[in-house]
Amino acid sequence: MPSVLQGGTRRRGRSRRARARRRGPVVVLLVLLLAVAAVLILHPLSARRQSDVRHAASATPPAGLRARAPRPAAPAFPLAPAYGRAPAGVALRVHFKQPPRAALLWNVRTGRFLYARDPARRVRIASLTKMMTAILVADHSRPGERVLVTRQALAYHGSGVGILPRGHRVRLETMLYGLLLPSGNDAAIALAQHVAGTVRAFVGRMNAEIRSLGLPCTRYSTVSGFVDGGNYSCAYDLAYEAGQMLRRPRLARIIRTRDAVLPFPTKGGKIYLANNNPLLRLRYPGTLGVKTGYTDAAGRCLVSVVRRGRTELGVVMLHSVDPAGQSEKLFAAGFRALRAS
């Protein structure tokens, strides 16, 4: 006969099993309620994310400038981390009797720096300003557009295309050649007005573009570079801009052109333009451009790229007594070092 203790143990076991059976449906119900609540909470968030994505994809570009073309890939080298110290990989020592104020030699394809002299130093850049002017025009225009020659464009100072007919419309591509070959300040003004409405608005867009690219050396106060006050950059930033020009086929084609004959709304229907890049004028082998600059404050400046075989080297030469000769010296040293490596 079982003891009282054994009987009590059996009764407690049956009681626990009964309570467990009663709790089972409650637990299942709670789990189901929690699952439903999770679906109700997460579904609106997912729908909102999908709506945001659809909205971003269909958003129209902001007013003030024409739609931007897809931005070409950035150069291989990261610029900003190198600011304020000698860039990694610099190996060449090149002696100049009268050295430039700042200079940089780099491998365009790999991004490796080969020579540097104060590459982060802010200096005046004169008409090297037109590199960014050309980049923005190329991104916000089509070659077949017509550019109005305004009174403000004809009130330019310094270098210019010089025979732009007031009140006429000139093919945009012709104006780009006028901007980059003879470094026309009149073309810079007309193109800025065509793209942004006013020169001031275009300058604002230039500075916004520099901020978006993360280039801290540069600031623009003009579309042409004729006035140097508040208009400056450094060798690092200009090297980046040179790479951006080469990545735009329209601009790459223009800057490597030595002489051009283009349609123009004057007697004869043509205009003859010559590139003032000294390396192109001297037929330095493999020259691909890019841009010259000169004012009293900036001195003589030159940004250039040269190709030999499959190698492309770039030089930024700022405030130089002989930008062509000193650039050639850097190119020779750079190609020689690469052949020996």
Foldseek 3Di string as FASTA:
>chain_A
DDDPVVVVVVVVVVVVVVVVVVCVVVVVVVVVVVVVVVCVVVVVVVVVVVVVVVCVVPPDDDPQFAAFDDADDFFQDDQVVCPPHDDPQADDDDDDPFAFQWKWKAWRRNGHTHDTDPQFDKFQAFQLLLLLLLLRLLGGDDQADWWAQAPVLVVDDDWALNPADHGDTDGLLVLSLRCFARNHSSSQQRSQCVGRVGQQRSQVVSQVVCVVVVFPRAHDDGRGSNDRVRGIGGNSVSSRSVSSQCRRVSSQVSFQDAKDWAAGPDVVRIDITGGPQVCVVVVPAFKRGDHWRDDPRWATWGWTWGDDDNIIMIMTGTNDPDHVVVVVSVVVVVVVVVVVD
